[in-house]
C-alpha atoms as a PDB file:
ATOM      1  CA  MET A   1     133.138 143.823 -44.100  1.00  0.00           C
ATOM      2  CA  SER A   2     129.850 144.639 -42.407  1.00  0.00           C
ATOM      3  CA  LEU A   3     126.736 142.830 -43.632  1.00  0.00           C
ATOM      4  CA  SER A   4     124.311 145.175 -41.899  1.00  0.00           C
ATOM      5  CA  ARG A   5     121.580 146.654 -44.055  1.00  0.00           C
ATOM      6  CA  THR A   6     122.458 150.069 -45.467  1.00  0.00           C
ATOM      7  CA  SER A   7     119.927 150.461 -48.280  1.00  0.00           C
ATOM      8  CA  SER A   8     116.328 149.816 -49.286  1.00  0.00           C
ATOM      9  CA  PRO A   9     114.450 146.478 -49.361  1.00  0.00           C
ATOM     10  CA  GLY A  10     115.678 144.107 -52.000  1.00  0.00           C
ATOM     11  CA  THR A  11     119.420 144.538 -51.390  1.00  0.00           C
ATOM     12  CA  PRO A  12     121.280 141.209 -51.280  1.00  0.00           C
ATOM     13  CA  PHE A  13     122.963 141.427 -47.850  1.00  0.00           C
ATOM     14  CA  HIS A  14     120.807 140.825 -44.783  1.00  0.00           C
ATOM     15  CA  ARG A  15     122.402 139.617 -41.584  1.00  0.00           C
ATOM     16  CA  LYS A  16     120.216 137.211 -39.629  1.00  0.00           C
ATOM     17  CA  ARG A  17     119.172 138.722 -36.320  1.00  0.00           C
ATOM     18  CA  ASP A  18     116.957 137.653 -33.438  1.00  0.00           C
ATOM     19  CA  LEU A  19     113.346 137.437 -34.581  1.00  0.00           C
ATOM     20  CA  GLN A  20     110.364 138.355 -32.460  1.00  0.00           C
ATOM     21  CA  LEU A  21     106.620 138.543 -33.030  1.00  0.00           C
ATOM     22  CA  VAL A  22     105.185 141.953 -32.251  1.00  0.00           C
ATOM     23  CA  ARG A  23     101.648 143.259 -31.984  1.00  0.00           C
ATOM     24  CA  PRO A  24     101.030 145.701 -34.869  1.00  0.00           C
ATOM     25  CA  ALA A  25     101.664 149.238 -33.579  1.00  0.00           C
ATOM     26  CA  TYR A  26     102.689 152.702 -34.740  1.00  0.00           C
ATOM     27  CA  LEU A  27     106.270 151.903 -33.770  1.00  0.00           C
ATOM     28  CA  TYR A  28     106.526 149.374 -36.612  1.00  0.00           C
ATOM     29  CA  LEU A  29     104.118 150.920 -39.108  1.00  0.00           C
ATOM     30  CA  ALA A  30     106.607 152.831 -41.279  1.00  0.00           C
ATOM     31  CA  SER A  31     108.533 149.630 -41.977  1.00  0.00           C
ATOM     32  CA  TYR A  32     105.277 147.804 -42.748  1.00  0.00           C
ATOM     33  CA  VAL A  33     104.228 150.536 -45.182  1.00  0.00           C
ATOM     34  CA  GLU A  34     107.628 150.342 -46.880  1.00  0.00           C
ATOM     35  CA  ALA A  35     107.120 146.612 -47.444  1.00  0.00           C
ATOM     36  CA  LEU A  36     103.645 147.193 -48.901  1.00  0.00           C
ATOM     37  CA  GLN A  37     105.047 149.834 -51.224  1.00  0.00           C
ATOM     38  CA  GLN A  38     107.550 147.250 -52.480  1.00  0.00           C
ATOM     39  CA  GLY A  39     104.612 145.051 -53.548  1.00  0.00           C
ATOM     40  CA  TRP A  40     104.670 142.571 -50.654  1.00  0.00           C
ATOM     41  CA  SER A  41     101.437 141.602 -48.908  1.00  0.00           C
ATOM     42  CA  ALA A  42     100.511 139.355 -46.009  1.00  0.00           C
ATOM     43  CA  ASP A  43      97.661 138.176 -48.246  1.00  0.00           C
ATOM     44  CA  THR A  44      99.456 135.637 -50.428  1.00  0.00           C
ATOM     45  CA  LEU A  45      96.339 135.033 -52.536  1.00  0.00           C
ATOM     46  CA  ARG A  46      95.371 138.603 -53.438  1.00  0.00           C
ATOM     47  CA  GLY A  47      98.931 139.952 -53.469  1.00  0.00           C
ATOM     48  CA  THR A  48      99.491 143.494 -54.736  1.00  0.00           C
ATOM     49  CA  LEU A  49      95.760 144.242 -54.787  1.00  0.00           C
ATOM     50  CA  ALA A  50      95.589 143.544 -51.041  1.00  0.00           C
ATOM     51  CA  ALA A  51      98.740 145.630 -50.505  1.00  0.00           C
ATOM     52  CA  HIS A  52      97.147 148.573 -52.312  1.00  0.00           C
ATOM     53  CA  GLU A  53      93.978 148.261 -50.227  1.00  0.00           C
ATOM     54  CA  GLU A  54      95.993 148.231 -47.002  1.00  0.00           C
ATOM     55  CA  LEU A  55      97.962 151.328 -48.040  1.00  0.00           C
ATOM     56  CA  GLN A  56      94.683 153.125 -48.665  1.00  0.00           C
ATOM     57  CA  SER A  57      93.325 151.977 -45.300  1.00  0.00           C
ATOM     58  CA  ILE A  58      96.443 153.197 -43.482  1.00  0.00           C
ATOM     59  CA  ALA A  59      96.229 156.562 -45.246  1.00  0.00           C
ATOM     60  CA  ARG A  60      92.600 156.971 -44.189  1.00  0.00           C
ATOM     61  CA  ASN A  61      92.998 155.985 -40.537  1.00  0.00           C
ATOM     62  CA  ALA A  62      96.180 154.280 -39.350  1.00  0.00           C
ATOM     63  CA  GLY A  63      94.875 153.720 -35.840  1.00  0.00           C
ATOM     64  CA  ARG A  64      91.786 151.927 -37.073  1.00  0.00           C
ATOM     65  CA  PHE A  65      93.905 149.816 -39.424  1.00  0.00           C
ATOM     66  CA  LEU A  66      96.192 148.694 -36.587  1.00  0.00           C
ATOM     67  CA  ALA A  67      93.286 147.919 -34.270  1.00  0.00           C
ATOM     68  CA  ALA A  68      91.631 145.737 -36.922  1.00  0.00           C
ATOM     69  CA  LEU A  69      94.691 143.447 -37.025  1.00  0.00           C
ATOM     70  CA  ASP A  70      93.974 142.323 -33.446  1.00  0.00           C
ATOM     71  CA  ASP A  71      90.340 141.238 -33.495  1.00  0.00           C
ATOM     72  CA  PRO A  72      89.666 138.248 -31.194  1.00  0.00           C
ATOM     73  CA  GLU A  73      85.947 139.090 -31.095  1.00  0.00           C
ATOM     74  CA  ALA A  74      85.539 139.378 -34.886  1.00  0.00           C
ATOM     75  CA  LYS A  75      84.176 142.920 -34.725  1.00  0.00           C
ATOM     76  CA  GLY A  76      85.780 143.920 -38.022  1.00  0.00           C
ATOM     77  CA  SER A  77      84.252 144.160 -41.472  1.00  0.00           C
ATOM     78  CA  PRO A  78      83.710 141.046 -43.605  1.00  0.00           C
ATOM     79  CA  ILE A  79      86.804 139.772 -45.398  1.00  0.00           C
ATOM     80  CA  THR A  80      87.358 139.909 -49.145  1.00  0.00           C
ATOM     81  CA  LEU A  81      88.015 136.514 -50.748  1.00  0.00           C
ATOM     82  CA  PRO A  82      90.277 135.926 -53.783  1.00  0.00           C
ATOM     83  CA  ASP A  83      87.278 135.901 -56.149  1.00  0.00           C
ATOM     84  CA  GLY A  84      86.153 139.299 -54.843  1.00  0.00           C
ATOM     85  CA  SER A  85      83.226 137.975 -52.788  1.00  0.00           C
ATOM     86  CA  ARG A  86      82.796 138.814 -49.103  1.00  0.00           C
ATOM     87  CA  ALA A  87      82.522 136.459 -46.136  1.00  0.00           C
ATOM     88  CA  PRO A  88      82.115 136.819 -42.358  1.00  0.00           C
ATOM     89  CA  ARG A  89      85.295 137.577 -40.451  1.00  0.00           C
ATOM     90  CA  LEU A  90      86.478 135.013 -37.908  1.00  0.00           C
ATOM     91  CA  PRO A  91      88.014 135.874 -34.548  1.00  0.00           C
ATOM     92  CA  GLY A  92      91.747 136.272 -35.023  1.00  0.00           C
ATOM     93  CA  PHE A  93      94.868 138.363 -34.822  1.00  0.00           C
ATOM     94  CA  ARG A  94      98.018 139.147 -36.732  1.00  0.00           C
ATOM     95  CA  ARG A  95     101.551 139.505 -35.473  1.00  0.00           C
ATOM     96  CA  TRP A  96     104.395 141.094 -37.396  1.00  0.00           C
ATOM     97  CA  LEU A  97     107.801 139.461 -37.749  1.00  0.00           C
ATOM     98  CA  TRP A  98     110.431 141.900 -36.517  1.00  0.00           C
ATOM     99  CA  ASP A  99     114.229 141.800 -36.326  1.00  0.00           C
ATOM    100  CA  GLY A 100     114.757 145.545 -36.192  1.00  0.00           C
ATOM    101  CA  GLU A 101     112.639 145.979 -39.316  1.00  0.00           C
ATOM    102  CA  LEU A 102     109.533 144.378 -40.787  1.00  0.00           C
ATOM    103  CA  CYS A 103     110.190 140.790 -41.897  1.00  0.00           C
ATOM    104  CA  GLY A 104     106.666 139.595 -42.585  1.00  0.00           C
ATOM    105  CA  SER A 105     103.351 138.718 -40.974  1.00  0.00           C
ATOM    106  CA  ILE A 106     101.719 135.700 -39.364  1.00  0.00           C
ATOM    107  CA  GLY A 107      98.063 135.365 -38.462  1.00  0.00           C
ATOM    108  CA  PHE A 108      95.841 133.063 -36.430  1.00  0.00           C
ATOM    109  CA  ARG A 109      92.067 132.708 -36.810  1.00  0.00           C
ATOM    110  CA  TRP A 110      89.563 130.315 -35.282  1.00  0.00           C
ATOM    111  CA  GLN A 111      85.914 129.516 -34.649  1.00  0.00           C
ATOM    112  CA  ASN A 112      84.708 129.612 -31.071  1.00  0.00           C
ATOM    113  CA  GLY A 113      83.777 126.225 -29.644  1.00  0.00           C
ATOM    114  CA  THR A 114      85.246 124.103 -32.443  1.00  0.00           C
ATOM    115  CA  ALA A 115      88.489 123.289 -34.200  1.00  0.00           C
ATOM    116  CA  GLU A 116      86.698 123.195 -37.550  1.00  0.00           C
ATOM    117  CA  LEU A 117      86.823 126.079 -40.021  1.00  0.00           C
ATOM    118  CA  PRO A 118      84.473 127.315 -42.753  1.00  0.00           C
ATOM    119  CA  GLU A 119      85.322 126.127 -46.249  1.00  0.00           C
ATOM    120  CA  TYR A 120      86.391 129.613 -47.321  1.00  0.00           C
ATOM    121  CA  VAL A 121      89.100 129.822 -44.633  1.00  0.00           C
ATOM    122  CA  SER A 122      92.417 128.281 -45.685  1.00  0.00           C
ATOM    123  CA  GLY A 123      93.690 127.067 -42.329  1.00  0.00           C
ATOM    124  CA  HIS A 124      94.044 128.426 -38.807  1.00  0.00           C
ATOM    125  CA  ILE A 125      97.453 129.978 -39.474  1.00  0.00           C
ATOM    126  CA  GLY A 126      98.820 131.857 -42.454  1.00  0.00           C
ATOM    127  CA  TYR A 127     102.158 133.587 -42.844  1.00  0.00           C
ATOM    128  CA  SER A 128     104.244 135.491 -45.351  1.00  0.00           C
ATOM    129  CA  VAL A 129     107.871 136.655 -45.196  1.00  0.00           C
ATOM    130  CA  VAL A 130     109.009 139.662 -47.235  1.00  0.00           C
ATOM    131  CA  PRO A 131     111.155 138.556 -50.212  1.00  0.00           C
ATOM    132  CA  TRP A 132     114.342 140.215 -48.939  1.00  0.00           C
ATOM    133  CA  LYS A 133     114.148 138.302 -45.623  1.00  0.00           C
ATOM    134  CA  ARG A 134     113.556 134.806 -46.977  1.00  0.00           C
ATOM    135  CA  ARG A 135     115.888 131.813 -46.553  1.00  0.00           C
ATOM    136  CA  LEU A 136     116.852 132.989 -43.059  1.00  0.00           C
ATOM    137  CA  GLY A 137     114.598 130.545 -41.195  1.00  0.00           C
ATOM    138  CA  TYR A 138     112.210 133.325 -40.188  1.00  0.00           C
ATOM    139  CA  ALA A 139     109.001 131.549 -41.248  1.00  0.00           C
ATOM    140  CA  THR A 140     109.961 128.473 -39.230  1.00  0.00           C
ATOM    141  CA  ARG A 141     110.811 130.534 -36.160  1.00  0.00           C
ATOM    142  CA  ALA A 142     107.664 132.667 -36.454  1.00  0.00           C
ATOM    143  CA  LEU A 143     105.436 129.598 -36.604  1.00  0.00           C
ATOM    144  CA  GLN A 144     107.152 128.101 -33.570  1.00  0.00           C
ATOM    145  CA  LEU A 145     106.705 131.335 -31.606  1.00  0.00           C
ATOM    146  CA  LEU A 146     103.043 131.663 -32.551  1.00  0.00           C
ATOM    147  CA  LEU A 147     102.322 128.063 -31.584  1.00  0.00           C
ATOM    148  CA  GLU A 148     103.560 128.814 -28.060  1.00  0.00           C
ATOM    149  CA  ASP A 149     100.599 131.178 -27.679  1.00  0.00           C
ATOM    150  CA  VAL A 150      98.133 129.044 -29.616  1.00  0.00           C
ATOM    151  CA  ARG A 151      98.819 126.131 -27.273  1.00  0.00           C
ATOM    152  CA  GLN A 152      97.259 128.207 -24.469  1.00  0.00           C
ATOM    153  CA  THR A 153      93.875 127.972 -26.226  1.00  0.00           C
ATOM    154  CA  GLU A 154      91.423 125.086 -25.965  1.00  0.00           C
ATOM    155  CA  LEU A 155      92.017 123.928 -29.533  1.00  0.00           C
ATOM    156  CA  PRO A 156      93.259 120.313 -29.809  1.00  0.00           C
ATOM    157  CA  TRP A 157      94.973 121.004 -33.139  1.00  0.00           C
ATOM    158  CA  VAL A 158      95.385 123.566 -35.896  1.00  0.00           C
ATOM    159  CA  VAL A 159      95.264 123.149 -39.663  1.00  0.00           C
ATOM    160  CA  LEU A 160      97.649 124.759 -42.152  1.00  0.00           C
ATOM    161  CA  ASN A 161      97.231 124.496 -45.900  1.00  0.00           C
ATOM    162  CA  THR A 162      99.798 124.930 -48.641  1.00  0.00           C
ATOM    163  CA  ASP A 163     100.369 124.076 -52.297  1.00  0.00           C
ATOM    164  CA  PRO A 164     101.959 120.819 -53.536  1.00  0.00           C
ATOM    165  CA  GLU A 165     104.734 122.741 -55.317  1.00  0.00           C
ATOM    166  CA  ASN A 166     105.571 124.924 -52.297  1.00  0.00           C
ATOM    167  CA  ARG A 167     108.266 122.789 -50.708  1.00  0.00           C
ATOM    168  CA  ALA A 168     109.579 125.687 -48.619  1.00  0.00           C
ATOM    169  CA  SER A 169     106.221 126.083 -46.876  1.00  0.00           C
ATOM    170  CA  GLN A 170     105.900 122.332 -46.417  1.00  0.00           C
ATOM    171  CA  ARG A 171     109.294 122.236 -44.680  1.00  0.00           C
ATOM    172  CA  VAL A 172     108.262 125.089 -42.372  1.00  0.00           C
ATOM    173  CA  ILE A 173     105.081 123.285 -41.330  1.00  0.00           C
ATOM    174  CA  GLU A 174     106.819 119.921 -40.909  1.00  0.00           C
ATOM    175  CA  ALA A 175     109.540 121.510 -38.748  1.00  0.00           C
ATOM    176  CA  ALA A 176     106.769 122.672 -36.390  1.00  0.00           C
ATOM    177  CA  GLY A 177     105.337 119.155 -36.108  1.00  0.00           C
ATOM    178  CA  GLY A 178     102.882 119.316 -38.964  1.00  0.00           C
ATOM    179  CA  VAL A 179     101.577 116.008 -40.315  1.00  0.00           C
ATOM    180  CA  LEU A 180     100.183 115.784 -43.831  1.00  0.00           C
ATOM    181  CA  MET A 181      96.526 114.773 -43.569  1.00  0.00           C
ATOM    182  CA  GLU A 182      95.321 114.895 -47.148  1.00  0.00           C
ATOM    183  CA  ARG A 183      95.459 116.283 -50.634  1.00  0.00           C
ATOM    184  CA  TYR A 184      92.260 118.150 -51.315  1.00  0.00           C
ATOM    185  CA  ALA A 185      90.506 120.358 -53.846  1.00  0.00           C
ATOM    186  CA  LYS A 186      90.422 123.974 -52.703  1.00  0.00           C
ATOM    187  CA  ALA A 187      87.103 125.789 -52.504  1.00  0.00           C
ATOM    188  CA  GLU A 188      86.070 127.510 -55.719  1.00  0.00           C
ATOM    189  CA  VAL A 189      86.626 130.930 -54.109  1.00  0.00           C
ATOM    190  CA  HIS A 190      90.292 129.899 -53.788  1.00  0.00           C
ATOM    191  CA  GLY A 191      90.558 128.687 -57.376  1.00  0.00           C
ATOM    192  CA  GLY A 192      89.634 125.012 -56.973  1.00  0.00           C
ATOM    193  CA  SER A 193      93.221 123.779 -57.446  1.00  0.00           C
ATOM    194  CA  GLU A 194      94.887 121.010 -55.448  1.00  0.00           C
ATOM    195  CA  GLY A 195      96.162 121.755 -51.961  1.00  0.00           C
ATOM    196  CA  LEU A 196      97.867 119.990 -49.081  1.00  0.00           C
ATOM    197  CA  ARG A 197      96.281 120.012 -45.627  1.00  0.00           C
ATOM    198  CA  TYR A 198      98.534 119.629 -42.577  1.00  0.00           C
ATOM    199  CA  ARG A 199      97.598 119.279 -38.929  1.00  0.00           C
ATOM    200  CA  ILE A 200      99.692 120.283 -35.915  1.00  0.00           C
ATOM    201  CA  SER A 201      98.650 118.754 -32.598  1.00  0.00           C
ATOM    202  CA  LEU A 202      98.518 121.186 -29.655  1.00  0.00           C
ATOM    203  CA  ARG A 203      98.174 118.547 -26.953  1.00  0.00           C
END
């Protein structure tokens, strides 16, 4: 019996295929929109609200939306934080996880000249896999692939943050060489709850 996908997101059978990271482009946009319409968002903090905002942005100007996802000079608009406030955008880019269809998103952001980050930024790297593609090892593979590019920068290390109860995310980070540095209190704009801070050495 074939296990290839024959229906919409959320069906139980998904054969694991080769994963690649792709630069957001029109070629992949329809699959990305489908994931947003299912309620998924790359923004794990703002969730469906962020998904709705992205759908509106794509409807207004898809080309501008795609260009904004690759912004190493931080030319884009300020970012919206979980509490609704706005903060300066950092240089960064997003890549989409792709195995023939959209599997998720992974992003990298940084400050020029330093490995430190502003308090309102929750780590250098953030990622999210669509629910119907989880438990296939895609988050682990995506992080490994992204780190290959990040190691070409001058950063000595990157920081990734996660929640104490999110064992799946902790395993992903640890598989990529992440070392737990501390338990910390998140910034108030992120709710002030407890978080775990990991560091991955790039040298």
